């Protein structure tokens, strides 16, 4: 399969990011948006929790959407080629870091929020009103 056909398939069918839930998809888009905005030349803004618009040269150039773990791109102007390459670059350079960072956040959250069984065990313990 030649490179042009792969490129067309990517635009037609999207890229499977292998995300586990909508929180991870949102985290990915959030990090992507921050990454795009860092250079100062391009602007990425959330339209909703699954969709980001990328503006290049003061024109809306690309809409990026992540749903059901699939990233899709909808070109909106002639500058879309540059924005598509930014998406591919972000995935190539940052995908593993974003996934690892998200997993760390999940683990930290699990440490902070006690499980229902732990709360129940504490409640079943010593009676706080024994002294009365």
N, C-alpha and C. Protein backbone atom coordinates (compact mmCIF):
# COMPACT_ATOMS: atom_id res chain seq x y z
N UNK A 1 0.86 -1.17 0.00
CA UNK A 1 0.00 0.00 0.00
C UNK A 1 0.91 1.24 0.00
N UNK A 2 0.70 2.12 -0.96
CA UNK A 2 1.54 3.31 -1.03
C UNK A 2 1.15 4.33 0.04
N UNK A 3 2.02 5.28 0.25
CA UNK A 3 1.86 6.24 1.34
C UNK A 3 0.61 7.11 1.17
N UNK A 4 0.27 7.45 -0.06
CA UNK A 4 -0.91 8.29 -0.29
C UNK A 4 -2.18 7.55 0.10
N UNK A 5 -2.25 6.27 -0.19
CA UNK A 5 -3.43 5.48 0.17
C UNK A 5 -3.56 5.38 1.70
N UNK A 6 -2.43 5.21 2.39
CA UNK A 6 -2.45 5.17 3.86
C UNK A 6 -2.94 6.50 4.43
N UNK A 7 -2.49 7.58 3.83
CA UNK A 7 -2.89 8.92 4.27
C UNK A 7 -4.40 9.11 4.07
N UNK A 8 -4.90 8.70 2.94
CA UNK A 8 -6.34 8.82 2.65
C UNK A 8 -7.14 7.94 3.61
N UNK A 9 -6.66 6.72 3.87
CA UNK A 9 -7.33 5.83 4.83
C UNK A 9 -7.36 6.43 6.23
N UNK A 10 -6.27 7.09 6.61
CA UNK A 10 -6.22 7.72 7.92
C UNK A 10 -7.30 8.81 8.02
N UNK A 11 -7.47 9.59 6.98
CA UNK A 11 -8.49 10.63 6.98
C UNK A 11 -9.90 10.04 6.93
N UNK A 12 -10.06 8.97 6.18
CA UNK A 12 -11.39 8.37 6.04
C UNK A 12 -11.83 7.57 7.26
N UNK A 13 -10.89 6.85 7.87
CA UNK A 13 -11.26 5.91 8.93
C UNK A 13 -10.74 6.29 10.32
N UNK A 14 -9.79 7.21 10.38
CA UNK A 14 -9.26 7.64 11.66
C UNK A 14 -8.10 6.80 12.14
N UNK A 15 -7.65 7.12 13.35
CA UNK A 15 -6.52 6.44 13.99
C UNK A 15 -7.02 5.86 15.30
N UNK A 16 -6.82 4.56 15.49
CA UNK A 16 -7.22 3.91 16.74
C UNK A 16 -6.17 4.22 17.81
N UNK A 17 -6.56 4.97 18.82
CA UNK A 17 -5.64 5.36 19.89
C UNK A 17 -5.56 4.34 21.02
N UNK A 18 -6.42 3.35 20.98
CA UNK A 18 -6.45 2.30 22.01
C UNK A 18 -6.62 2.89 23.42
N UNK A 19 -7.52 3.85 23.54
CA UNK A 19 -7.84 4.45 24.83
C UNK A 19 -8.83 3.56 25.57
N UNK A 20 -8.80 3.62 26.89
CA UNK A 20 -9.62 2.72 27.69
C UNK A 20 -10.97 3.30 28.10
N UNK A 21 -11.09 4.64 28.12
CA UNK A 21 -12.36 5.26 28.53
C UNK A 21 -12.41 6.72 28.07
N UNK A 22 -13.55 7.36 28.29
CA UNK A 22 -13.71 8.74 27.83
C UNK A 22 -12.83 9.71 28.61
N UNK A 23 -12.50 9.38 29.84
CA UNK A 23 -11.61 10.24 30.62
C UNK A 23 -10.22 10.27 29.99
N UNK A 24 -9.76 9.12 29.54
CA UNK A 24 -8.45 9.06 28.90
C UNK A 24 -8.48 9.79 27.55
N UNK A 25 -9.57 9.68 26.82
CA UNK A 25 -9.72 10.40 25.55
C UNK A 25 -9.66 11.91 25.79
N UNK A 26 -10.39 12.37 26.82
CA UNK A 26 -10.39 13.79 27.14
C UNK A 26 -8.99 14.25 27.57
N UNK A 27 -8.32 13.45 28.37
CA UNK A 27 -6.96 13.78 28.81
C UNK A 27 -6.03 13.90 27.60
N UNK A 28 -6.15 12.97 26.66
CA UNK A 28 -5.34 13.00 25.44
C UNK A 28 -5.59 14.31 24.68
N UNK A 29 -6.86 14.65 24.47
CA UNK A 29 -7.19 15.88 23.74
C UNK A 29 -6.72 17.12 24.50
N UNK A 30 -6.80 17.09 25.81
CA UNK A 30 -6.35 18.20 26.62
C UNK A 30 -4.85 18.42 26.46
N UNK A 31 -4.09 17.35 26.54
CA UNK A 31 -2.63 17.45 26.34
C UNK A 31 -2.30 17.87 24.91
N UNK A 32 -3.05 17.35 23.95
CA UNK A 32 -2.84 17.72 22.56
C UNK A 32 -3.09 19.22 22.37
N UNK A 33 -4.16 19.73 22.93
CA UNK A 33 -4.50 21.15 22.83
C UNK A 33 -3.39 22.01 23.43
N UNK A 34 -2.91 21.63 24.61
CA UNK A 34 -1.81 22.37 25.24
C UNK A 34 -0.56 22.36 24.35
N UNK A 35 -0.27 21.21 23.77
CA UNK A 35 0.91 21.04 22.91
C UNK A 35 0.81 21.94 21.68
N UNK A 36 -0.35 21.97 21.05
CA UNK A 36 -0.55 22.82 19.86
C UNK A 36 -0.37 24.30 20.23
N UNK A 37 -0.95 24.69 21.35
CA UNK A 37 -0.93 26.10 21.75
C UNK A 37 0.45 26.59 22.21
N UNK A 38 1.36 25.68 22.51
CA UNK A 38 2.69 26.06 23.01
C UNK A 38 3.49 26.88 22.00
N UNK A 39 3.34 26.60 20.71
CA UNK A 39 4.20 27.28 19.72
C UNK A 39 3.83 28.73 19.47
N UNK A 40 2.62 29.13 19.84
CA UNK A 40 2.21 30.52 19.66
C UNK A 40 1.75 30.89 18.26
N UNK A 41 1.93 29.99 17.31
CA UNK A 41 1.52 30.27 15.94
C UNK A 41 0.17 29.63 15.61
N UNK A 42 -0.14 28.56 16.28
CA UNK A 42 -1.37 27.82 16.03
C UNK A 42 -2.23 27.86 17.29
N UNK A 43 -3.52 27.71 17.10
CA UNK A 43 -4.45 27.75 18.23
C UNK A 43 -5.34 26.52 18.16
N UNK A 44 -5.47 25.86 19.30
CA UNK A 44 -6.38 24.72 19.41
C UNK A 44 -7.36 25.00 20.55
N UNK A 45 -8.63 24.85 20.26
CA UNK A 45 -9.67 25.10 21.26
C UNK A 45 -10.67 23.96 21.27
N UNK A 46 -11.13 23.64 22.48
CA UNK A 46 -12.18 22.63 22.61
C UNK A 46 -13.50 23.19 22.10
N UNK A 47 -14.20 22.40 21.32
CA UNK A 47 -15.57 22.71 20.93
C UNK A 47 -16.50 22.06 21.93
N UNK A 48 -16.16 20.84 22.31
CA UNK A 48 -16.84 20.09 23.37
C UNK A 48 -15.84 19.08 23.92
N UNK A 49 -16.26 18.16 24.73
CA UNK A 49 -15.31 17.25 25.39
C UNK A 49 -14.65 16.25 24.45
N UNK A 50 -15.13 16.14 23.22
CA UNK A 50 -14.54 15.17 22.29
C UNK A 50 -13.96 15.82 21.04
N UNK A 51 -14.10 17.14 20.90
CA UNK A 51 -13.75 17.80 19.65
C UNK A 51 -12.89 19.04 19.88
N UNK A 52 -11.85 19.17 19.04
CA UNK A 52 -10.95 20.31 19.10
C UNK A 52 -10.84 20.92 17.70
N UNK A 53 -10.89 22.25 17.65
CA UNK A 53 -10.66 22.96 16.40
C UNK A 53 -9.24 23.51 16.40
N UNK A 54 -8.55 23.35 15.27
CA UNK A 54 -7.20 23.88 15.13
C UNK A 54 -7.24 25.02 14.11
N UNK A 55 -6.71 26.15 14.54
CA UNK A 55 -6.64 27.32 13.67
C UNK A 55 -5.18 27.57 13.34
N UNK A 56 -4.89 27.66 12.05
CA UNK A 56 -3.54 28.01 11.59
C UNK A 56 -3.66 29.22 10.68
N UNK A 57 -2.74 30.14 10.82
CA UNK A 57 -2.76 31.37 10.01
C UNK A 57 -4.11 32.06 10.08
N UNK A 58 -4.68 32.10 11.28
CA UNK A 58 -5.97 32.76 11.54
C UNK A 58 -7.15 32.16 10.78
N UNK A 59 -7.02 30.92 10.35
CA UNK A 59 -8.12 30.23 9.66
C UNK A 59 -8.37 28.89 10.34
N UNK A 60 -9.64 28.57 10.49
CA UNK A 60 -9.97 27.22 10.97
C UNK A 60 -9.47 26.24 9.92
N UNK A 61 -8.57 25.37 10.31
CA UNK A 61 -7.98 24.46 9.32
C UNK A 61 -8.36 23.01 9.52
N UNK A 62 -8.61 22.60 10.77
CA UNK A 62 -8.84 21.18 11.01
C UNK A 62 -9.70 20.99 12.26
N UNK A 63 -10.60 20.03 12.19
CA UNK A 63 -11.35 19.60 13.37
C UNK A 63 -10.88 18.20 13.72
N UNK A 64 -10.47 18.05 14.97
CA UNK A 64 -9.99 16.76 15.47
C UNK A 64 -11.01 16.27 16.49
N UNK A 65 -11.37 15.01 16.36
CA UNK A 65 -12.36 14.44 17.27
C UNK A 65 -11.87 13.07 17.74
N UNK A 66 -12.08 12.79 19.03
CA UNK A 66 -11.78 11.46 19.56
C UNK A 66 -13.06 10.91 20.18
N UNK A 67 -13.54 9.83 19.60
CA UNK A 67 -14.73 9.13 20.10
C UNK A 67 -14.49 7.64 19.97
N UNK A 68 -14.87 6.92 21.00
CA UNK A 68 -14.69 5.46 21.02
C UNK A 68 -13.26 5.08 20.66
N UNK A 69 -12.33 5.86 21.17
CA UNK A 69 -10.90 5.62 21.03
C UNK A 69 -10.36 5.89 19.63
N UNK A 70 -11.16 6.41 18.73
CA UNK A 70 -10.72 6.68 17.37
C UNK A 70 -10.60 8.18 17.14
N UNK A 71 -9.41 8.59 16.71
CA UNK A 71 -9.16 9.98 16.38
C UNK A 71 -9.48 10.19 14.90
N UNK A 72 -10.37 11.13 14.63
CA UNK A 72 -10.69 11.48 13.25
C UNK A 72 -10.35 12.94 13.01
N UNK A 73 -10.08 13.24 11.74
CA UNK A 73 -9.73 14.61 11.35
C UNK A 73 -10.60 15.04 10.18
N UNK A 74 -11.08 16.26 10.27
CA UNK A 74 -11.90 16.82 9.20
C UNK A 74 -11.25 18.11 8.71
N UNK A 75 -10.60 18.07 7.54
CA UNK A 75 -9.96 19.28 7.01
C UNK A 75 -11.00 20.36 6.72
N UNK A 76 -10.62 21.61 7.03
CA UNK A 76 -11.53 22.75 6.82
C UNK A 76 -10.94 23.83 5.93
N UNK A 77 -9.65 23.77 5.60
CA UNK A 77 -9.04 24.78 4.73
C UNK A 77 -7.79 24.21 4.08
N UNK A 78 -7.15 25.05 3.27
CA UNK A 78 -5.91 24.63 2.61
C UNK A 78 -4.78 24.41 3.60
N UNK A 79 -4.86 25.03 4.76
CA UNK A 79 -3.83 24.87 5.79
C UNK A 79 -3.99 23.57 6.58
N UNK A 80 -4.98 22.78 6.23
CA UNK A 80 -5.23 21.53 6.96
C UNK A 80 -4.04 20.59 6.91
N UNK A 81 -3.30 20.60 5.81
CA UNK A 81 -2.13 19.71 5.68
C UNK A 81 -1.16 19.93 6.83
N UNK A 82 -0.87 21.19 7.17
CA UNK A 82 0.05 21.49 8.27
C UNK A 82 -0.51 20.99 9.60
N UNK A 83 -1.80 21.21 9.80
CA UNK A 83 -2.44 20.78 11.05
C UNK A 83 -2.46 19.25 11.15
N UNK A 84 -2.71 18.57 10.07
CA UNK A 84 -2.69 17.09 10.06
C UNK A 84 -1.31 16.59 10.44
N UNK A 85 -0.28 17.23 9.90
CA UNK A 85 1.09 16.83 10.24
C UNK A 85 1.39 17.07 11.72
N UNK A 86 0.80 18.13 12.30
CA UNK A 86 0.97 18.37 13.74
C UNK A 86 0.33 17.25 14.55
N UNK A 87 -0.85 16.81 14.13
CA UNK A 87 -1.53 15.71 14.82
C UNK A 87 -0.66 14.46 14.77
N UNK A 88 -0.15 14.14 13.60
CA UNK A 88 0.69 12.94 13.44
C UNK A 88 1.96 13.08 14.28
N UNK A 89 2.56 14.25 14.29
CA UNK A 89 3.77 14.48 15.08
C UNK A 89 3.49 14.30 16.57
N UNK A 90 2.37 14.86 17.04
CA UNK A 90 2.01 14.71 18.45
C UNK A 90 1.85 13.24 18.81
N UNK A 91 1.14 12.50 17.99
CA UNK A 91 0.95 11.07 18.27
C UNK A 91 2.29 10.35 18.28
N UNK A 92 3.14 10.65 17.30
CA UNK A 92 4.44 9.98 17.21
C UNK A 92 5.34 10.31 18.41
N UNK A 93 5.33 11.56 18.85
CA UNK A 93 6.27 11.99 19.90
C UNK A 93 5.71 11.90 21.31
N UNK A 94 4.41 12.07 21.48
CA UNK A 94 3.86 12.23 22.83
C UNK A 94 2.88 11.14 23.27
N UNK A 95 2.44 10.30 22.37
CA UNK A 95 1.41 9.31 22.69
C UNK A 95 1.75 8.47 23.91
N UNK A 96 2.93 7.88 23.94
CA UNK A 96 3.32 7.02 25.07
C UNK A 96 3.38 7.81 26.37
N UNK A 97 3.92 9.04 26.31
CA UNK A 97 4.00 9.87 27.52
C UNK A 97 2.61 10.20 28.06
N UNK A 98 1.70 10.54 27.16
CA UNK A 98 0.34 10.88 27.57
C UNK A 98 -0.33 9.67 28.23
N UNK A 99 -0.20 8.51 27.61
CA UNK A 99 -0.80 7.30 28.19
C UNK A 99 -0.21 6.99 29.55
N UNK A 100 1.11 7.08 29.68
CA UNK A 100 1.77 6.81 30.96
C UNK A 100 1.34 7.81 32.03
N UNK A 101 1.28 9.09 31.66
CA UNK A 101 0.86 10.12 32.61
C UNK A 101 -0.57 9.89 33.08
N UNK A 102 -1.43 9.49 32.15
CA UNK A 102 -2.82 9.23 32.53
C UNK A 102 -2.90 8.05 33.50
N UNK A 103 -2.15 7.00 33.24
CA UNK A 103 -2.16 5.84 34.13
C UNK A 103 -1.65 6.22 35.52
N UNK A 104 -0.64 7.09 35.59
CA UNK A 104 -0.15 7.56 36.89
C UNK A 104 -1.23 8.33 37.64
N UNK A 105 -1.96 9.19 36.91
CA UNK A 105 -3.05 9.93 37.54
C UNK A 105 -4.12 8.99 38.08
N UNK A 106 -4.44 7.97 37.33
CA UNK A 106 -5.44 6.99 37.76
C UNK A 106 -4.96 6.31 39.04
N UNK A 107 -3.70 5.90 39.07
CA UNK A 107 -3.15 5.23 40.25
C UNK A 107 -3.15 6.16 41.46
N UNK A 108 -2.79 7.42 41.26
CA UNK A 108 -2.79 8.39 42.36
C UNK A 108 -4.21 8.60 42.89
N UNK A 109 -5.16 8.66 41.99
CA UNK A 109 -6.56 8.84 42.38
C UNK A 109 -7.05 7.66 43.19
N UNK A 110 -6.67 6.45 42.79
CA UNK A 110 -7.08 5.26 43.53
C UNK A 110 -6.50 5.25 44.93
N UNK A 111 -5.29 5.81 45.10
CA UNK A 111 -4.68 5.87 46.42
C UNK A 111 -5.40 6.87 47.31
N UNK A 112 -5.86 7.96 46.73
CA UNK A 112 -6.51 9.03 47.49
C UNK A 112 -7.92 8.65 47.90
N UNK A 113 -8.68 8.07 46.99
CA UNK A 113 -10.08 7.73 47.25
C UNK A 113 -10.14 6.33 47.85
N UNK A 114 -10.55 6.19 49.10
CA UNK A 114 -10.62 4.86 49.71
C UNK A 114 -11.73 4.01 49.07
N UNK A 115 -11.46 2.72 49.03
CA UNK A 115 -12.46 1.80 48.49
C UNK A 115 -13.63 1.68 49.46
N UNK A 116 -14.78 1.28 48.95
CA UNK A 116 -15.98 1.14 49.78
C UNK A 116 -15.75 0.16 50.92
N UNK A 117 -14.99 -0.91 50.64
CA UNK A 117 -14.74 -1.90 51.69
C UNK A 117 -13.94 -1.29 52.84
N UNK A 118 -12.96 -0.41 52.49
CA UNK A 118 -12.14 0.21 53.52
C UNK A 118 -12.99 1.14 54.39
N UNK A 119 -13.90 1.86 53.77
CA UNK A 119 -14.78 2.76 54.53
C UNK A 119 -15.68 1.93 55.45
N UNK A 120 -16.21 0.83 54.94
CA UNK A 120 -17.10 -0.02 55.72
C UNK A 120 -16.35 -0.62 56.92
N UNK A 121 -15.11 -1.07 56.70
CA UNK A 121 -14.32 -1.64 57.80
C UNK A 121 -14.11 -0.62 58.90
N UNK A 122 -13.86 0.63 58.52
CA UNK A 122 -13.68 1.67 59.53
C UNK A 122 -14.97 1.90 60.30
N UNK A 123 -16.09 1.86 59.62
CA UNK A 123 -17.39 2.06 60.27
C UNK A 123 -17.74 0.89 61.19
N UNK A 124 -17.33 -0.32 60.82
CA UNK A 124 -17.63 -1.51 61.62
C UNK A 124 -16.72 -1.63 62.83
N UNK A 125 -15.70 -0.80 62.91
CA UNK A 125 -14.72 -0.89 63.98
C UNK A 125 -15.28 -0.48 65.33
N UNK A 126 -14.42 0.02 66.16
CA UNK A 126 -14.80 0.42 67.52
C UNK A 126 -15.95 1.40 67.49
N UNK A 127 -16.83 1.22 68.44
CA UNK A 127 -17.98 2.11 68.55
C UNK A 127 -17.52 3.42 69.20
N UNK A 128 -17.72 4.51 68.49
CA UNK A 128 -17.28 5.82 68.97
C UNK A 128 -18.05 6.27 70.21
N UNK A 129 -19.21 5.66 70.51
CA UNK A 129 -20.05 6.09 71.62
C UNK A 129 -19.95 5.16 72.82
N UNK A 130 -18.92 4.32 72.90
CA UNK A 130 -18.77 3.39 74.02
C UNK A 130 -18.62 4.13 75.34
N UNK A 131 -18.03 5.27 75.33
CA UNK A 131 -17.74 5.99 76.56
C UNK A 131 -18.99 6.59 77.19
N UNK A 132 -20.07 6.67 76.44
CA UNK A 132 -21.29 7.29 76.97
C UNK A 132 -22.01 6.34 77.89
